[in-house]
PDB file of all heavy atoms in Angstrom:
ATOM      1  N   ASN A   1       0.850  -1.191   0.000  1.00  0.00           N
ATOM      2  CA  ASN A   1       0.000   0.000   0.000  1.00  0.00           C
ATOM      3  C   ASN A   1       0.883   1.237   0.000  1.00  0.00           C
ATOM      4  O   ASN A   1       1.792   1.360   0.829  1.00  0.00           O
ATOM      5  CB  ASN A   1      -0.889   0.027   1.253  1.00  0.00           C
ATOM      6  CG  ASN A   1      -2.015  -0.976   1.190  1.00  0.00           C
ATOM      7  OD1 ASN A   1      -2.609  -1.180   0.143  1.00  0.00           O
ATOM      8  ND2 ASN A   1      -2.315  -1.603   2.322  1.00  0.00           N
ATOM      9  N   SER A   2       0.603   2.147  -0.906  1.00  0.00           N
ATOM     10  CA  SER A   2       1.331   3.405  -0.940  1.00  0.00           C
ATOM     11  C   SER A   2       1.042   4.188   0.337  1.00  0.00           C
ATOM     12  O   SER A   2      -0.044   4.072   0.917  1.00  0.00           O
ATOM     13  CB  SER A   2       0.901   4.202  -2.171  1.00  0.00           C
ATOM     14  OG  SER A   2       1.622   5.398  -2.255  1.00  0.00           O
ATOM     15  N   MET A   3       2.021   4.992   0.758  1.00  0.00           N
ATOM     16  CA  MET A   3       1.917   5.824   1.964  1.00  0.00           C
ATOM     17  C   MET A   3       1.831   4.988   3.248  1.00  0.00           C
ATOM     18  O   MET A   3       1.239   5.408   4.244  1.00  0.00           O
ATOM     19  CB  MET A   3       0.734   6.796   1.883  1.00  0.00           C
ATOM     20  CG  MET A   3       0.685   7.599   0.587  1.00  0.00           C
ATOM     21  SD  MET A   3       2.212   8.469   0.243  1.00  0.00           S
ATOM     22  CE  MET A   3       1.743  10.120   0.710  1.00  0.00           C
ATOM     23  N   HIS A   4       2.432   3.802   3.212  1.00  0.00           N
ATOM     24  CA  HIS A   4       2.536   2.929   4.379  1.00  0.00           C
ATOM     25  C   HIS A   4       4.009   2.555   4.550  1.00  0.00           C
ATOM     26  O   HIS A   4       4.753   2.500   3.577  1.00  0.00           O
ATOM     27  CB  HIS A   4       1.697   1.661   4.193  1.00  0.00           C
ATOM     28  CG  HIS A   4       0.224   1.909   4.220  1.00  0.00           C
ATOM     29  ND1 HIS A   4      -0.419   2.673   3.270  1.00  0.00           N
ATOM     30  CD2 HIS A   4      -0.733   1.494   5.081  1.00  0.00           C
ATOM     31  CE1 HIS A   4      -1.721   2.713   3.544  1.00  0.00           C
ATOM     32  NE2 HIS A   4      -1.934   2.018   4.646  1.00  0.00           N
ATOM     33  N   ARG A   5       4.410   2.263   5.794  1.00  0.00           N
ATOM     34  CA  ARG A   5       5.810   1.927   6.111  1.00  0.00           C
ATOM     35  C   ARG A   5       5.994   0.416   6.186  1.00  0.00           C
ATOM     36  O   ARG A   5       5.151  -0.299   6.733  1.00  0.00           O
ATOM     37  CB  ARG A   5       6.217   2.556   7.444  1.00  0.00           C
ATOM     38  CG  ARG A   5       6.205   4.076   7.398  1.00  0.00           C
ATOM     39  CD  ARG A   5       6.688   4.694   8.698  1.00  0.00           C
ATOM     40  NE  ARG A   5       8.084   4.338   8.897  1.00  0.00           N
ATOM     41  CZ  ARG A   5       8.638   4.068  10.079  1.00  0.00           C
ATOM     42  NH1 ARG A   5       7.916   4.113  11.176  1.00  0.00           N
ATOM     43  NH2 ARG A   5       9.908   3.761  10.178  1.00  0.00           N
ATOM     44  N   TYR A   6       7.132  -0.051   5.657  1.00  0.00           N
ATOM     45  CA  TYR A   6       7.409  -1.487   5.599  1.00  0.00           C
ATOM     46  C   TYR A   6       8.825  -1.830   6.043  1.00  0.00           C
ATOM     47  O   TYR A   6       9.739  -1.019   5.913  1.00  0.00           O
ATOM     48  CB  TYR A   6       7.210  -2.007   4.169  1.00  0.00           C
ATOM     49  CG  TYR A   6       5.764  -1.970   3.741  1.00  0.00           C
ATOM     50  CD1 TYR A   6       5.260  -0.888   3.036  1.00  0.00           C
ATOM     51  CD2 TYR A   6       4.899  -3.009   4.070  1.00  0.00           C
ATOM     52  CE1 TYR A   6       3.930  -0.846   2.652  1.00  0.00           C
ATOM     53  CE2 TYR A   6       3.561  -2.973   3.698  1.00  0.00           C
ATOM     54  CZ  TYR A   6       3.082  -1.885   2.989  1.00  0.00           C
ATOM     55  OH  TYR A   6       1.767  -1.844   2.624  1.00  0.00           O
ATOM     56  N   GLN A   7       8.956  -3.065   6.530  1.00  0.00           N
ATOM     57  CA  GLN A   7      10.252  -3.633   6.880  1.00  0.00           C
ATOM     58  C   GLN A   7      10.483  -4.872   6.006  1.00  0.00           C
ATOM     59  O   GLN A   7       9.744  -5.847   6.115  1.00  0.00           O
ATOM     60  CB  GLN A   7      10.291  -4.061   8.354  1.00  0.00           C
ATOM     61  CG  GLN A   7      11.526  -4.854   8.743  1.00  0.00           C
ATOM     62  CD  GLN A   7      12.795  -4.030   8.686  1.00  0.00           C
ATOM     63  OE1 GLN A   7      12.946  -3.056   9.405  1.00  0.00           O
ATOM     64  NE2 GLN A   7      13.716  -4.410   7.810  1.00  0.00           N
ATOM     65  N   PRO A   8      11.478  -4.834   5.116  1.00  0.00           N
ATOM     66  CA  PRO A   8      11.817  -6.051   4.375  1.00  0.00           C
ATOM     67  C   PRO A   8      12.406  -7.093   5.328  1.00  0.00           C
ATOM     68  O   PRO A   8      13.132  -6.745   6.262  1.00  0.00           O
ATOM     69  CB  PRO A   8      12.897  -5.585   3.381  1.00  0.00           C
ATOM     70  CG  PRO A   8      12.809  -4.100   3.349  1.00  0.00           C
ATOM     71  CD  PRO A   8      12.287  -3.689   4.694  1.00  0.00           C
ATOM     72  N   ARG A   9      12.072  -8.356   5.084  1.00  0.00           N
ATOM     73  CA  ARG A   9      12.662  -9.456   5.849  1.00  0.00           C
ATOM     74  C   ARG A   9      13.262 -10.450   4.866  1.00  0.00           C
ATOM     75  O   ARG A   9      12.680 -10.718   3.809  1.00  0.00           O
ATOM     76  CB  ARG A   9      11.616 -10.167   6.713  1.00  0.00           C
ATOM     77  CG  ARG A   9      11.137  -9.348   7.880  1.00  0.00           C
ATOM     78  CD  ARG A   9      10.285 -10.159   8.821  1.00  0.00           C
ATOM     79  NE  ARG A   9       9.200 -10.840   8.115  1.00  0.00           N
ATOM     80  CZ  ARG A   9       8.274 -11.608   8.697  1.00  0.00           C
ATOM     81  NH1 ARG A   9       8.309 -11.804   9.987  1.00  0.00           N
ATOM     82  NH2 ARG A   9       7.323 -12.176   7.993  1.00  0.00           N
ATOM     83  N   PHE A  10      14.399 -10.992   5.227  1.00  0.00           N
ATOM     84  CA  PHE A  10      15.132 -11.940   4.392  1.00  0.00           C
ATOM     85  C   PHE A  10      15.150 -13.292   5.106  1.00  0.00           C
ATOM     86  O   PHE A  10      15.410 -13.347   6.313  1.00  0.00           O
ATOM     87  CB  PHE A  10      16.554 -11.403   4.174  1.00  0.00           C
ATOM     88  CG  PHE A  10      17.498 -12.388   3.566  1.00  0.00           C
ATOM     89  CD1 PHE A  10      17.307 -12.846   2.274  1.00  0.00           C
ATOM     90  CD2 PHE A  10      18.587 -12.853   4.276  1.00  0.00           C
ATOM     91  CE1 PHE A  10      18.182 -13.756   1.708  1.00  0.00           C
ATOM     92  CE2 PHE A  10      19.475 -13.755   3.722  1.00  0.00           C
ATOM     93  CZ  PHE A  10      19.271 -14.207   2.432  1.00  0.00           C
ATOM     94  N   HIS A  11      14.861 -14.361   4.375  1.00  0.00           N
ATOM     95  CA  HIS A  11      14.760 -15.695   4.976  1.00  0.00           C
ATOM     96  C   HIS A  11      15.650 -16.697   4.248  1.00  0.00           C
ATOM     97  O   HIS A  11      15.655 -16.741   3.015  1.00  0.00           O
ATOM     98  CB  HIS A  11      13.315 -16.199   4.919  1.00  0.00           C
ATOM     99  CG  HIS A  11      12.303 -15.226   5.445  1.00  0.00           C
ATOM    100  ND1 HIS A  11      12.029 -15.072   6.778  1.00  0.00           N
ATOM    101  CD2 HIS A  11      11.516 -14.324   4.794  1.00  0.00           C
ATOM    102  CE1 HIS A  11      11.098 -14.138   6.935  1.00  0.00           C
ATOM    103  NE2 HIS A  11      10.789 -13.664   5.747  1.00  0.00           N
ATOM    104  N   VAL A  12      16.370 -17.481   5.033  1.00  0.00           N
ATOM    105  CA  VAL A  12      17.178 -18.585   4.519  1.00  0.00           C
ATOM    106  C   VAL A  12      16.456 -19.857   4.946  1.00  0.00           C
ATOM    107  O   VAL A  12      16.237 -20.084   6.141  1.00  0.00           O
ATOM    108  CB  VAL A  12      18.604 -18.574   5.118  1.00  0.00           C
ATOM    109  CG1 VAL A  12      19.403 -19.783   4.668  1.00  0.00           C
ATOM    110  CG2 VAL A  12      19.318 -17.268   4.761  1.00  0.00           C
ATOM    111  N   VAL A  13      16.066 -20.691   3.960  1.00  0.00           N
ATOM    112  CA  VAL A  13      15.295 -21.894   4.258  1.00  0.00           C
ATOM    113  C   VAL A  13      16.074 -23.124   3.800  1.00  0.00           C
ATOM    114  O   VAL A  13      16.395 -23.262   2.610  1.00  0.00           O
ATOM    115  CB  VAL A  13      13.914 -21.863   3.554  1.00  0.00           C
ATOM    116  CG1 VAL A  13      13.108 -23.110   3.915  1.00  0.00           C
ATOM    117  CG2 VAL A  13      13.153 -20.597   3.915  1.00  0.00           C
ATOM    118  N   PHE A  14      16.393 -24.005   4.749  1.00  0.00           N
ATOM    119  CA  PHE A  14      17.045 -25.273   4.435  1.00  0.00           C
ATOM    120  C   PHE A  14      16.022 -26.198   3.791  1.00  0.00           C
ATOM    121  O   PHE A  14      14.920 -26.384   4.314  1.00  0.00           O
ATOM    122  CB  PHE A  14      17.617 -25.890   5.719  1.00  0.00           C
ATOM    123  CG  PHE A  14      17.985 -27.336   5.603  1.00  0.00           C
ATOM    124  CD1 PHE A  14      18.941 -27.755   4.674  1.00  0.00           C
ATOM    125  CD2 PHE A  14      17.395 -28.285   6.413  1.00  0.00           C
ATOM    126  CE1 PHE A  14      19.274 -29.097   4.563  1.00  0.00           C
ATOM    127  CE2 PHE A  14      17.730 -29.623   6.313  1.00  0.00           C
ATOM    128  CZ  PHE A  14      18.674 -30.036   5.382  1.00  0.00           C
ATOM    129  N   VAL A  15      16.371 -26.764   2.642  1.00  0.00           N
ATOM    130  CA  VAL A  15      15.486 -27.716   1.951  1.00  0.00           C
ATOM    131  C   VAL A  15      15.720 -29.079   2.592  1.00  0.00           C
ATOM    132  O   VAL A  15      16.701 -29.760   2.309  1.00  0.00           O
ATOM    133  CB  VAL A  15      15.755 -27.752   0.431  1.00  0.00           C
ATOM    134  CG1 VAL A  15      14.833 -28.758  -0.244  1.00  0.00           C
ATOM    135  CG2 VAL A  15      15.600 -26.364  -0.177  1.00  0.00           C
ATOM    136  N   ASP A  16      14.818 -29.447   3.474  1.00  0.00           N
ATOM    137  CA  ASP A  16      14.938 -30.669   4.269  1.00  0.00           C
ATOM    138  C   ASP A  16      14.534 -31.874   3.421  1.00  0.00           C
ATOM    139  O   ASP A  16      13.398 -31.966   2.970  1.00  0.00           O
ATOM    140  CB  ASP A  16      14.029 -30.545   5.496  1.00  0.00           C
ATOM    141  CG  ASP A  16      14.315 -31.582   6.556  1.00  0.00           C
ATOM    142  OD1 ASP A  16      14.778 -32.682   6.214  1.00  0.00           O
ATOM    143  OD2 ASP A  16      14.059 -31.278   7.738  1.00  0.00           O
ATOM    144  N   PRO A  17      15.466 -32.823   3.189  1.00  0.00           N
ATOM    145  CA  PRO A  17      15.141 -33.973   2.333  1.00  0.00           C
ATOM    146  C   PRO A  17      14.276 -35.052   3.006  1.00  0.00           C
ATOM    147  O   PRO A  17      13.800 -35.959   2.337  1.00  0.00           O
ATOM    148  CB  PRO A  17      16.528 -34.536   1.988  1.00  0.00           C
ATOM    149  CG  PRO A  17      17.391 -34.152   3.144  1.00  0.00           C
ATOM    150  CD  PRO A  17      16.847 -32.846   3.658  1.00  0.00           C
ATOM    151  N   ARG A  18      14.045 -34.928   4.312  1.00  0.00           N
ATOM    152  CA  ARG A  18      13.247 -35.951   5.008  1.00  0.00           C
ATOM    153  C   ARG A  18      11.819 -35.990   4.474  1.00  0.00           C
ATOM    154  O   ARG A  18      11.242 -34.963   4.140  1.00  0.00           O
ATOM    155  CB  ARG A  18      13.225 -35.687   6.517  1.00  0.00           C
ATOM    156  CG  ARG A  18      14.578 -35.878   7.179  1.00  0.00           C
ATOM    157  CD  ARG A  18      14.531 -35.546   8.647  1.00  0.00           C
ATOM    158  NE  ARG A  18      14.540 -34.100   8.831  1.00  0.00           N
ATOM    159  CZ  ARG A  18      14.722 -33.496   9.997  1.00  0.00           C
ATOM    160  NH1 ARG A  18      14.895 -34.204  11.093  1.00  0.00           N
ATOM    161  NH2 ARG A  18      14.724 -32.194  10.081  1.00  0.00           N
ATOM    162  N   ARG A  19      11.278 -37.176   4.414  1.00  0.00           N
ATOM    163  CA  ARG A  19       9.930 -37.378   3.881  1.00  0.00           C
ATOM    164  C   ARG A  19       8.876 -36.587   4.668  1.00  0.00           C
ATOM    165  O   ARG A  19       7.935 -36.068   4.098  1.00  0.00           O
ATOM    166  CB  ARG A  19       9.590 -38.874   3.925  1.00  0.00           C
ATOM    167  CG  ARG A  19       8.363 -39.253   3.132  1.00  0.00           C
ATOM    168  CD  ARG A  19       8.159 -40.741   3.163  1.00  0.00           C
ATOM    169  NE  ARG A  19       9.388 -41.388   2.699  1.00  0.00           N
ATOM    170  CZ  ARG A  19       9.417 -42.364   1.809  1.00  0.00           C
ATOM    171  NH1 ARG A  19       8.310 -42.829   1.315  1.00  0.00           N
ATOM    172  NH2 ARG A  19      10.551 -42.892   1.439  1.00  0.00           N
ATOM    173  N   ASP A  20       9.059 -36.468   5.977  1.00  0.00           N
ATOM    174  CA  ASP A  20       8.090 -35.756   6.822  1.00  0.00           C
ATOM    175  C   ASP A  20       8.628 -34.370   7.193  1.00  0.00           C
ATOM    176  O   ASP A  20       8.411 -33.878   8.299  1.00  0.00           O
ATOM    177  CB  ASP A  20       7.768 -36.571   8.080  1.00  0.00           C
ATOM    178  CG  ASP A  20       9.000 -36.885   8.915  1.00  0.00           C
ATOM    179  OD1 ASP A  20      10.137 -36.691   8.401  1.00  0.00           O
ATOM    180  OD2 ASP A  20       8.846 -37.308  10.068  1.00  0.00           O
ATOM    181  N   SER A  21       9.311 -33.727   6.240  1.00  0.00           N
ATOM    182  CA  SER A  21      10.005 -32.460   6.509  1.00  0.00           C
ATOM    183  C   SER A  21       9.075 -31.349   7.003  1.00  0.00           C
ATOM    184  O   SER A  21       9.512 -30.462   7.729  1.00  0.00           O
ATOM    185  CB  SER A  21      10.760 -31.993   5.273  1.00  0.00           C
ATOM    186  OG  SER A  21       9.857 -31.731   4.224  1.00  0.00           O
ATOM    187  N   GLU A  22       7.795 -31.395   6.624  1.00  0.00           N
ATOM    188  CA  GLU A  22       6.886 -30.335   7.073  1.00  0.00           C
ATOM    189  C   GLU A  22       6.769 -30.294   8.597  1.00  0.00           C
ATOM    190  O   GLU A  22       6.484 -29.252   9.172  1.00  0.00           O
ATOM    191  CB  GLU A  22       5.503 -30.447   6.409  1.00  0.00           C
ATOM    192  CG  GLU A  22       4.691 -31.668   6.767  1.00  0.00           C
ATOM    193  CD  GLU A  22       5.087 -32.932   5.989  1.00  0.00           C
ATOM    194  OE1 GLU A  22       5.893 -32.851   5.054  1.00  0.00           O
ATOM    195  OE2 GLU A  22       4.573 -34.011   6.346  1.00  0.00           O
ATOM    196  N   ARG A  23       7.012 -31.426   9.265  1.00  0.00           N
ATOM    197  CA  ARG A  23       6.980 -31.468  10.728  1.00  0.00           C
ATOM    198  C   ARG A  23       8.089 -30.611  11.329  1.00  0.00           C
ATOM    199  O   ARG A  23       8.001 -30.198  12.480  1.00  0.00           O
ATOM    200  CB  ARG A  23       7.147 -32.905  11.247  1.00  0.00           C
ATOM    201  CG  ARG A  23       5.913 -33.771  11.058  1.00  0.00           C
ATOM    202  CD  ARG A  23       6.095 -35.160  11.668  1.00  0.00           C
ATOM    203  NE  ARG A  23       6.753 -35.146  12.955  1.00  0.00           N
ATOM    204  CZ  ARG A  23       7.666 -36.055  13.338  1.00  0.00           C
ATOM    205  NH1 ARG A  23       8.039 -37.022  12.520  1.00  0.00           N
ATOM    206  NH2 ARG A  23       8.214 -35.988  14.530  1.00  0.00           N
ATOM    207  N   PHE A  24       9.134 -30.364  10.557  1.00  0.00           N
ATOM    208  CA  PHE A  24      10.307 -29.639  11.064  1.00  0.00           C
ATOM    209  C   PHE A  24      10.431 -28.247  10.446  1.00  0.00           C
ATOM    210  O   PHE A  24      11.458 -27.589  10.599  1.00  0.00           O
ATOM    211  CB  PHE A  24      11.580 -30.445  10.776  1.00  0.00           C
ATOM    212  CG  PHE A  24      11.506 -31.848  11.288  1.00  0.00           C
ATOM    213  CD1 PHE A  24      11.229 -32.899  10.422  1.00  0.00           C
ATOM    214  CD2 PHE A  24      11.685 -32.129  12.637  1.00  0.00           C
ATOM    215  CE1 PHE A  24      11.150 -34.195  10.887  1.00  0.00           C
ATOM    216  CE2 PHE A  24      11.600 -33.433  13.104  1.00  0.00           C
ATOM    217  CZ  PHE A  24      11.332 -34.472  12.238  1.00  0.00           C
ATOM    218  N   ALA A  25       9.406 -27.818   9.740  1.00  0.00           N
ATOM    219  CA  ALA A  25       9.475 -26.554   9.001  1.00  0.00           C
ATOM    220  C   ALA A  25       9.931 -25.397   9.891  1.00  0.00           C
ATOM    221  O   ALA A  25      10.740 -24.557   9.467  1.00  0.00           O
ATOM    222  CB  ALA A  25       8.129 -26.234   8.369  1.00  0.00           C
ATOM    223  N   HIS A  26       9.426 -25.332  11.127  1.00  0.00           N
ATOM    224  CA  HIS A  26       9.774 -24.231  12.042  1.00  0.00           C
ATOM    225  C   HIS A  26      11.250 -24.222  12.427  1.00  0.00           C
ATOM    226  O   HIS A  26      11.772 -23.214  12.883  1.00  0.00           O
ATOM    227  CB  HIS A  26       8.893 -24.305  13.295  1.00  0.00           C
ATOM    228  CG  HIS A  26       9.090 -25.546  14.096  1.00  0.00           C
ATOM    229  ND1 HIS A  26       8.593 -26.771  13.684  1.00  0.00           N
ATOM    230  CD2 HIS A  26       9.753 -25.770  15.260  1.00  0.00           C
ATOM    231  CE1 HIS A  26       8.941 -27.695  14.574  1.00  0.00           C
ATOM    232  NE2 HIS A  26       9.640 -27.113  15.530  1.00  0.00           N
ATOM    233  N   GLN A  27      11.943 -25.372  12.230  1.00  0.00           N
ATOM    234  CA  GLN A  27      13.368 -25.465  12.582  1.00  0.00           C
ATOM    235  C   GLN A  27      14.280 -25.192  11.387  1.00  0.00           C
ATOM    236  O   GLN A  27      15.473 -25.004  11.552  1.00  0.00           O
ATOM    237  CB  GLN A  27      13.696 -26.880  13.085  1.00  0.00           C
ATOM    238  CG  GLN A  27      12.949 -27.290  14.316  1.00  0.00           C
ATOM    239  CD  GLN A  27      13.191 -28.764  14.642  1.00  0.00           C
ATOM    240  OE1 GLN A  27      13.901 -29.474  13.939  1.00  0.00           O
ATOM    241  NE2 GLN A  27      12.584 -29.224  15.721  1.00  0.00           N
ATOM    242  N   ASN A  28      13.704 -25.187  10.180  1.00  0.00           N
ATOM    243  CA  ASN A  28      14.515 -25.207   8.961  1.00  0.00           C
ATOM    244  C   ASN A  28      14.695 -23.851   8.283  1.00  0.00           C
ATOM    245  O   ASN A  28      15.034 -23.790   7.115  1.00  0.00           O
ATOM    246  CB  ASN A  28      13.936 -26.206   7.956  1.00  0.00           C
ATOM    247  CG  ASN A  28      14.149 -27.634   8.415  1.00  0.00           C
ATOM    248  OD1 ASN A  28      15.070 -27.924   9.165  1.00  0.00           O
ATOM    249  ND2 ASN A  28      13.285 -28.525   7.958  1.00  0.00           N
TER     250      ASN A  28
END
């Protein structure tokens, strides 16, 4: 939205090869 203030955030995400990787998403 124009005339609004923002903070960019940068994320590094490890691609977890485990079959149930979604269980660990918060750690990756």
